[in-house]
Amino acid sequence: MPTITRQVDLHYIGGGSDKVYHVALVIEDDGFYSTAFAYGRRYSTLSQGYKERRVSALTAERAFTKTISEKRGK
């Protein structure tokens, strides 16, 4: 079972909008890393996916950091 090593939860409320964005750095069972995300309206079903899948720790960490920076800039 994959293990979440770091997770950041962001939210935006404004202009009639109430959205959340979750990003997580995950260690897969086989030792590779992934950068997973989920986003959407608060209290509804979130869309999910991966920024990076089954990559090195450095690559996953870069994607994790870049995603957080991009979302905080909005």
PDB file of N, CA and C in Angstrom:
ATOM      1  N   MET A   1       0.842  -1.174   0.000  1.00  0.00           N
ATOM      2  CA  MET A   1       0.000   0.000   0.000  1.00  0.00           C
ATOM      3  C   MET A   1       0.892   1.244   0.000  1.00  0.00           C
ATOM      4  N   PRO A   2       0.642   2.200  -0.899  1.00  0.00           N
ATOM      5  CA  PRO A   2       1.457   3.419  -0.964  1.00  0.00           C
ATOM      6  C   PRO A   2       1.409   4.208   0.347  1.00  0.00           C
ATOM      7  N   THR A   3       2.505   4.907   0.636  1.00  0.00           N
ATOM      8  CA  THR A   3       2.627   5.695   1.865  1.00  0.00           C
ATOM      9  C   THR A   3       2.785   7.163   1.519  1.00  0.00           C
ATOM     10  N   ILE A   4       1.954   8.009   2.105  1.00  0.00           N
ATOM     11  CA  ILE A   4       2.065   9.456   1.897  1.00  0.00           C
ATOM     12  C   ILE A   4       3.158   9.980   2.821  1.00  0.00           C
ATOM     13  N   THR A   5       4.176  10.631   2.230  1.00  0.00           N
ATOM     14  CA  THR A   5       5.258  11.174   3.042  1.00  0.00           C
ATOM     15  C   THR A   5       5.034  12.646   3.367  1.00  0.00           C
ATOM     16  N   ARG A   6       4.439  13.378   2.440  1.00  0.00           N
ATOM     17  CA  ARG A   6       4.107  14.788   2.667  1.00  0.00           C
ATOM     18  C   ARG A   6       2.816  15.096   1.932  1.00  0.00           C
ATOM     19  N   GLN A   7       2.013  15.980   2.529  1.00  0.00           N
ATOM     20  CA  GLN A   7       0.765  16.384   1.890  1.00  0.00           C
ATOM     21  C   GLN A   7       0.481  17.830   2.217  1.00  0.00           C
ATOM     22  N   VAL A   8       0.006  18.581   1.214  1.00  0.00           N
ATOM     23  CA  VAL A   8      -0.388  19.972   1.405  1.00  0.00           C
ATOM     24  C   VAL A   8      -1.827  20.105   0.911  1.00  0.00           C
ATOM     25  N   ASP A   9      -2.658  20.751   1.719  1.00  0.00           N
ATOM     26  CA  ASP A   9      -4.057  20.989   1.371  1.00  0.00           C
ATOM     27  C   ASP A   9      -4.253  22.488   1.214  1.00  0.00           C
ATOM     28  N   LEU A  10      -4.696  22.909   0.039  1.00  0.00           N
ATOM     29  CA  LEU A  10      -4.929  24.318  -0.254  1.00  0.00           C
ATOM     30  C   LEU A  10      -6.414  24.533  -0.507  1.00  0.00           C
ATOM     31  N   HIS A  11      -6.883  25.751  -0.267  1.00  0.00           N
ATOM     32  CA  HIS A  11      -8.278  26.053  -0.565  1.00  0.00           C
ATOM     33  C   HIS A  11      -8.402  27.485  -1.047  1.00  0.00           C
ATOM     34  N   TYR A  12      -9.474  27.751  -1.780  1.00  0.00           N
ATOM     35  CA  TYR A  12      -9.765  29.078  -2.286  1.00  0.00           C
ATOM     36  C   TYR A  12     -11.252  29.353  -2.099  1.00  0.00           C
ATOM     37  N   ILE A  13     -11.551  30.479  -1.478  1.00  0.00           N
ATOM     38  CA  ILE A  13     -12.933  30.913  -1.312  1.00  0.00           C
ATOM     39  C   ILE A  13     -12.997  32.342  -1.808  1.00  0.00           C
ATOM     40  N   GLY A  14     -13.854  32.597  -2.772  1.00  0.00           N
ATOM     41  CA  GLY A  14     -14.001  33.949  -3.295  1.00  0.00           C
ATOM     42  C   GLY A  14     -14.784  33.952  -4.587  1.00  0.00           C
ATOM     43  N   GLY A  15     -15.522  35.039  -4.825  1.00  0.00           N
ATOM     44  CA  GLY A  15     -16.286  35.154  -6.062  1.00  0.00           C
ATOM     45  C   GLY A  15     -17.299  34.043  -6.253  1.00  0.00           C
ATOM     46  N   GLY A  16     -17.901  33.573  -5.173  1.00  0.00           N
ATOM     47  CA  GLY A  16     -18.876  32.490  -5.269  1.00  0.00           C
ATOM     48  C   GLY A  16     -18.241  31.122  -5.435  1.00  0.00           C
ATOM     49  N   SER A  17     -16.943  31.040  -5.283  1.00  0.00           N
ATOM     50  CA  SER A  17     -16.215  29.798  -5.465  1.00  0.00           C
ATOM     51  C   SER A  17     -15.717  29.281  -4.117  1.00  0.00           C
ATOM     52  N   ASP A  18     -15.720  27.971  -3.947  1.00  0.00           N
ATOM     53  CA  ASP A  18     -15.182  27.331  -2.751  1.00  0.00           C
ATOM     54  C   ASP A  18     -14.512  26.037  -3.214  1.00  0.00           C
ATOM     55  N   LYS A  19     -13.211  26.126  -3.510  1.00  0.00           N
ATOM     56  CA  LYS A  19     -12.494  25.002  -4.114  1.00  0.00           C
ATOM     57  C   LYS A  19     -11.346  24.543  -3.225  1.00  0.00           C
ATOM     58  N   VAL A  20     -10.978  23.271  -3.378  1.00  0.00           N
ATOM     59  CA  VAL A  20      -9.851  22.700  -2.643  1.00  0.00           C
ATOM     60  C   VAL A  20      -8.881  22.061  -3.639  1.00  0.00           C
ATOM     61  N   TYR A  21      -7.617  21.996  -3.218  1.00  0.00           N
ATOM     62  CA  TYR A  21      -6.585  21.332  -4.009  1.00  0.00           C
ATOM     63  C   TYR A  21      -5.676  20.616  -3.034  1.00  0.00           C
ATOM     64  N   HIS A  22      -5.499  19.323  -3.222  1.00  0.00           N
ATOM     65  CA  HIS A  22      -4.636  18.505  -2.374  1.00  0.00           C
ATOM     66  C   HIS A  22      -3.497  17.978  -3.243  1.00  0.00           C
ATOM     67  N   VAL A  23      -2.290  18.047  -2.722  1.00  0.00           N
ATOM     68  CA  VAL A  23      -1.146  17.464  -3.425  1.00  0.00           C
ATOM     69  C   VAL A  23      -0.338  16.651  -2.410  1.00  0.00           C
ATOM     70  N   ALA A  24       0.119  15.468  -2.825  1.00  0.00           N
ATOM     71  CA  ALA A  24       0.815  14.570  -1.907  1.00  0.00           C
ATOM     72  C   ALA A  24       2.027  13.940  -2.580  1.00  0.00           C
ATOM     73  N   LEU A  25       3.082  13.781  -1.803  1.00  0.00           N
ATOM     74  CA  LEU A  25       4.269  13.060  -2.223  1.00  0.00           C
ATOM     75  C   LEU A  25       4.133  11.650  -1.652  1.00  0.00           C
ATOM     76  N   VAL A  26       4.151  10.650  -2.523  1.00  0.00           N
ATOM     77  CA  VAL A  26       3.822   9.275  -2.140  1.00  0.00           C
ATOM     78  C   VAL A  26       4.962   8.330  -2.487  1.00  0.00           C
ATOM     79  N   ILE A  27       5.279   7.414  -1.574  1.00  0.00           N
ATOM     80  CA  ILE A  27       6.212   6.325  -1.872  1.00  0.00           C
ATOM     81  C   ILE A  27       5.376   5.105  -2.246  1.00  0.00           C
ATOM     82  N   GLU A  28       5.606   4.595  -3.444  1.00  0.00           N
ATOM     83  CA  GLU A  28       4.880   3.414  -3.913  1.00  0.00           C
ATOM     84  C   GLU A  28       5.485   2.163  -3.276  1.00  0.00           C
ATOM     85  N   ASP A  29       4.786   1.059  -3.367  1.00  0.00           N
ATOM     86  CA  ASP A  29       5.256  -0.213  -2.789  1.00  0.00           C
ATOM     87  C   ASP A  29       6.592  -0.672  -3.365  1.00  0.00           C
ATOM     88  N   ASP A  30       6.847  -0.334  -4.621  1.00  0.00           N
ATOM     89  CA  ASP A  30       8.076  -0.787  -5.272  1.00  0.00           C
ATOM     90  C   ASP A  30       9.260   0.155  -5.044  1.00  0.00           C
ATOM     91  N   GLY A  31       9.085   1.184  -4.193  1.00  0.00           N
ATOM     92  CA  GLY A  31      10.178   2.092  -3.858  1.00  0.00           C
ATOM     93  C   GLY A  31      10.253   3.337  -4.715  1.00  0.00           C
ATOM     94  N   PHE A  32       9.481   3.393  -5.782  1.00  0.00           N
ATOM     95  CA  PHE A  32       9.433   4.603  -6.600  1.00  0.00           C
ATOM     96  C   PHE A  32       8.545   5.638  -5.920  1.00  0.00           C
ATOM     97  N   TYR A  33       8.626   6.879  -6.391  1.00  0.00           N
ATOM     98  CA  TYR A  33       7.836   7.972  -5.824  1.00  0.00           C
ATOM     99  C   TYR A  33       6.826   8.470  -6.844  1.00  0.00           C
ATOM    100  N   SER A  34       5.756   9.068  -6.339  1.00  0.00           N
ATOM    101  CA  SER A  34       4.738   9.683  -7.183  1.00  0.00           C
ATOM    102  C   SER A  34       4.287  10.990  -6.543  1.00  0.00           C
ATOM    103  N   THR A  35       3.810  11.904  -7.380  1.00  0.00           N
ATOM    104  CA  THR A  35       3.216  13.148  -6.907  1.00  0.00           C
ATOM    105  C   THR A  35       1.747  13.106  -7.320  1.00  0.00           C
ATOM    106  N   ALA A  36       0.873  12.928  -6.339  1.00  0.00           N
ATOM    107  CA  ALA A  36      -0.556  12.781  -6.596  1.00  0.00           C
ATOM    108  C   ALA A  36      -1.291  14.078  -6.264  1.00  0.00           C
ATOM    109  N   PHE A  37      -2.426  14.304  -6.939  1.00  0.00           N
ATOM    110  CA  PHE A  37      -3.232  15.483  -6.647  1.00  0.00           C
ATOM    111  C   PHE A  37      -4.717  15.148  -6.719  1.00  0.00           C
ATOM    112  N   ALA A  38      -5.507  16.001  -6.072  1.00  0.00           N
ATOM    113  CA  ALA A  38      -6.971  15.919  -6.138  1.00  0.00           C
ATOM    114  C   ALA A  38      -7.485  17.345  -6.027  1.00  0.00           C
ATOM    115  N   TYR A  39      -8.525  17.674  -6.796  1.00  0.00           N
ATOM    116  CA  TYR A  39      -9.052  19.037  -6.768  1.00  0.00           C
ATOM    117  C   TYR A  39     -10.533  19.047  -7.100  1.00  0.00           C
ATOM    118  N   GLY A  40     -11.188  20.144  -6.721  1.00  0.00           N
ATOM    119  CA  GLY A  40     -12.597  20.312  -7.038  1.00  0.00           C
ATOM    120  C   GLY A  40     -13.300  21.174  -6.012  1.00  0.00           C
ATOM    121  N   ARG A  41     -14.624  21.213  -6.104  1.00  0.00           N
ATOM    122  CA  ARG A  41     -15.429  21.977  -5.152  1.00  0.00           C
ATOM    123  C   ARG A  41     -15.427  21.273  -3.806  1.00  0.00           C
ATOM    124  N   ARG A  42     -15.367  22.067  -2.764  1.00  0.00           N
ATOM    125  CA  ARG A  42     -15.389  21.520  -1.407  1.00  0.00           C
ATOM    126  C   ARG A  42     -16.668  20.709  -1.199  1.00  0.00           C
ATOM    127  N   TYR A  43     -16.562  19.579  -0.540  1.00  0.00           N
ATOM    128  CA  TYR A  43     -17.667  18.664  -0.197  1.00  0.00           C
ATOM    129  C   TYR A  43     -18.272  17.954  -1.405  1.00  0.00           C
ATOM    130  N   SER A  44     -17.568  17.927  -2.525  1.00  0.00           N
ATOM    131  CA  SER A  44     -18.058  17.166  -3.670  1.00  0.00           C
ATOM    132  C   SER A  44     -16.979  16.162  -4.073  1.00  0.00           C
ATOM    133  N   THR A  45     -17.273  15.333  -5.041  1.00  0.00           N
ATOM    134  CA  THR A  45     -16.309  14.356  -5.525  1.00  0.00           C
ATOM    135  C   THR A  45     -15.163  15.095  -6.204  1.00  0.00           C
ATOM    136  N   LEU A  46     -13.929  14.759  -5.824  1.00  0.00           N
ATOM    137  CA  LEU A  46     -12.760  15.436  -6.369  1.00  0.00           C
ATOM    138  C   LEU A  46     -12.191  14.679  -7.562  1.00  0.00           C
ATOM    139  N   SER A  47     -11.666  15.420  -8.516  1.00  0.00           N
ATOM    140  CA  SER A  47     -10.928  14.823  -9.630  1.00  0.00           C
ATOM    141  C   SER A  47      -9.537  14.483  -9.118  1.00  0.00           C
ATOM    142  N   GLN A  48      -9.004  13.338  -9.538  1.00  0.00           N
ATOM    143  CA  GLN A  48      -7.715  12.880  -9.030  1.00  0.00           C
ATOM    144  C   GLN A  48      -6.785  12.527 -10.176  1.00  0.00           C
ATOM    145  N   GLY A  49      -5.487  12.593  -9.892  1.00  0.00           N
ATOM    146  CA  GLY A  49      -4.507  12.224 -10.906  1.00  0.00           C
ATOM    147  C   GLY A  49      -3.098  12.284 -10.350  1.00  0.00           C
ATOM    148  N   TYR A  50      -2.135  12.211 -11.262  1.00  0.00           N
ATOM    149  CA  TYR A  50      -0.723  12.244 -10.888  1.00  0.00           C
ATOM    150  C   TYR A  50      -0.003  13.285 -11.731  1.00  0.00           C
ATOM    151  N   LYS A  51       0.863  14.056 -11.087  1.00  0.00           N
ATOM    152  CA  LYS A  51       1.772  14.947 -11.813  1.00  0.00           C
ATOM    153  C   LYS A  51       2.954  14.124 -12.302  1.00  0.00           C
ATOM    154  N   GLU A  52       3.455  13.259 -11.457  1.00  0.00           N
ATOM    155  CA  GLU A  52       4.539  12.333 -11.796  1.00  0.00           C
ATOM    156  C   GLU A  52       4.168  10.978 -11.214  1.00  0.00           C
ATOM    157  N   ARG A  53       4.532   9.922 -11.910  1.00  0.00           N
ATOM    158  CA  ARG A  53       4.178   8.572 -11.467  1.00  0.00           C
ATOM    159  C   ARG A  53       5.383   7.661 -11.608  1.00  0.00           C
ATOM    160  N   ARG A  54       5.744   6.983 -10.508  1.00  0.00           N
ATOM    161  CA  ARG A  54       6.834   6.007 -10.501  1.00  0.00           C
ATOM    162  C   ARG A  54       8.139   6.607 -11.011  1.00  0.00           C
ATOM    163  N   VAL A  55       8.602   7.666 -10.331  1.00  0.00           N
ATOM    164  CA  VAL A  55       9.844   8.354 -10.693  1.00  0.00           C
ATOM    165  C   VAL A  55      10.777   8.371  -9.486  1.00  0.00           C
ATOM    166  N   SER A  56      11.941   8.973  -9.655  1.00  0.00           N
ATOM    167  CA  SER A  56      12.897   9.091  -8.549  1.00  0.00           C
ATOM    168  C   SER A  56      12.368  10.064  -7.499  1.00  0.00           C
ATOM    169  N   ALA A  57      12.942  10.008  -6.315  1.00  0.00           N
ATOM    170  CA  ALA A  57      12.525  10.902  -5.227  1.00  0.00           C
ATOM    171  C   ALA A  57      12.730  12.361  -5.610  1.00  0.00           C
ATOM    172  N   LEU A  58      13.834  12.674  -6.268  1.00  0.00           N
ATOM    173  CA  LEU A  58      14.137  14.053  -6.653  1.00  0.00           C
ATOM    174  C   LEU A  58      13.121  14.587  -7.656  1.00  0.00           C
ATOM    175  N   THR A  59      12.780  13.808  -8.656  1.00  0.00           N
ATOM    176  CA  THR A  59      11.807  14.225  -9.661  1.00  0.00           C
ATOM    177  C   THR A  59      10.438  14.443  -9.039  1.00  0.00           C
ATOM    178  N   ALA A  60      10.013  13.551  -8.166  1.00  0.00           N
ATOM    179  CA  ALA A  60       8.715  13.679  -7.498  1.00  0.00           C
ATOM    180  C   ALA A  60       8.700  14.899  -6.581  1.00  0.00           C
ATOM    181  N   GLU A  61       9.796  15.148  -5.868  1.00  0.00           N
ATOM    182  CA  GLU A  61       9.894  16.305  -4.979  1.00  0.00           C
ATOM    183  C   GLU A  61       9.812  17.604  -5.770  1.00  0.00           C
ATOM    184  N   ARG A  62      10.467  17.654  -6.902  1.00  0.00           N
ATOM    185  CA  ARG A  62      10.403  18.850  -7.762  1.00  0.00           C
ATOM    186  C   ARG A  62       8.979  19.108  -8.245  1.00  0.00           C
ATOM    187  N   ALA A  63       8.294  18.071  -8.674  1.00  0.00           N
ATOM    188  CA  ALA A  63       6.912  18.220  -9.136  1.00  0.00           C
ATOM    189  C   ALA A  63       6.008  18.664  -7.991  1.00  0.00           C
ATOM    190  N   PHE A  64       6.230  18.120  -6.803  1.00  0.00           N
ATOM    191  CA  PHE A  64       5.461  18.481  -5.603  1.00  0.00           C
ATOM    192  C   PHE A  64       5.635  19.969  -5.304  1.00  0.00           C
ATOM    193  N   THR A  65       6.882  20.430  -5.246  1.00  0.00           N
ATOM    194  CA  THR A  65       7.193  21.825  -4.936  1.00  0.00           C
ATOM    195  C   THR A  65       6.653  22.768  -6.003  1.00  0.00           C
ATOM    196  N   LYS A  66       6.820  22.408  -7.284  1.00  0.00           N
ATOM    197  CA  LYS A  66       6.346  23.238  -8.388  1.00  0.00           C
ATOM    198  C   LYS A  66       4.822  23.372  -8.365  1.00  0.00           C
ATOM    199  N   THR A  67       4.127  22.286  -8.111  1.00  0.00           N
ATOM    200  CA  THR A  67       2.664  22.309  -8.055  1.00  0.00           C
ATOM    201  C   THR A  67       2.169  23.224  -6.944  1.00  0.00           C
ATOM    202  N   ILE A  68       2.788  23.139  -5.767  1.00  0.00           N
ATOM    203  CA  ILE A  68       2.389  23.991  -4.646  1.00  0.00           C
ATOM    204  C   ILE A  68       2.631  25.455  -4.988  1.00  0.00           C
ATOM    205  N   SER A  69       3.783  25.770  -5.562  1.00  0.00           N
ATOM    206  CA  SER A  69       4.093  27.146  -5.942  1.00  0.00           C
ATOM    207  C   SER A  69       3.105  27.699  -6.950  1.00  0.00           C
ATOM    208  N   GLU A  70       2.763  26.898  -7.952  1.00  0.00           N
ATOM    209  CA  GLU A  70       1.800  27.328  -8.971  1.00  0.00           C
ATOM    210  C   GLU A  70       0.433  27.600  -8.361  1.00  0.00           C
ATOM    211  N   LYS A  71      -0.031  26.721  -7.499  1.00  0.00           N
ATOM    212  CA  LYS A  71      -1.354  26.884  -6.915  1.00  0.00           C
ATOM    213  C   LYS A  71      -1.412  28.050  -5.928  1.00  0.00           C
ATOM    214  N   ARG A  72      -0.345  28.292  -5.190  1.00  0.00           N
ATOM    215  CA  ARG A  72      -0.325  29.427  -4.259  1.00  0.00           C
ATOM    216  C   ARG A  72      -0.233  30.747  -5.017  1.00  0.00           C
ATOM    217  N   GLY A  73       0.268  30.733  -6.234  1.00  0.00           N
ATOM    218  CA  GLY A  73       0.389  31.939  -7.038  1.00  0.00           C
ATOM    219  C   GLY A  73      -0.933  32.409  -7.629  1.00  0.00           C
ATOM    220  N   LYS A  74      -1.915  31.534  -7.642  1.00  0.00           N
ATOM    221  CA  LYS A  74      -3.216  31.880  -8.237  1.00  0.00           C
ATOM    222  C   LYS A  74      -4.101  32.619  -7.276  1.00  0.00           C
TER     223      LYS A  74
END
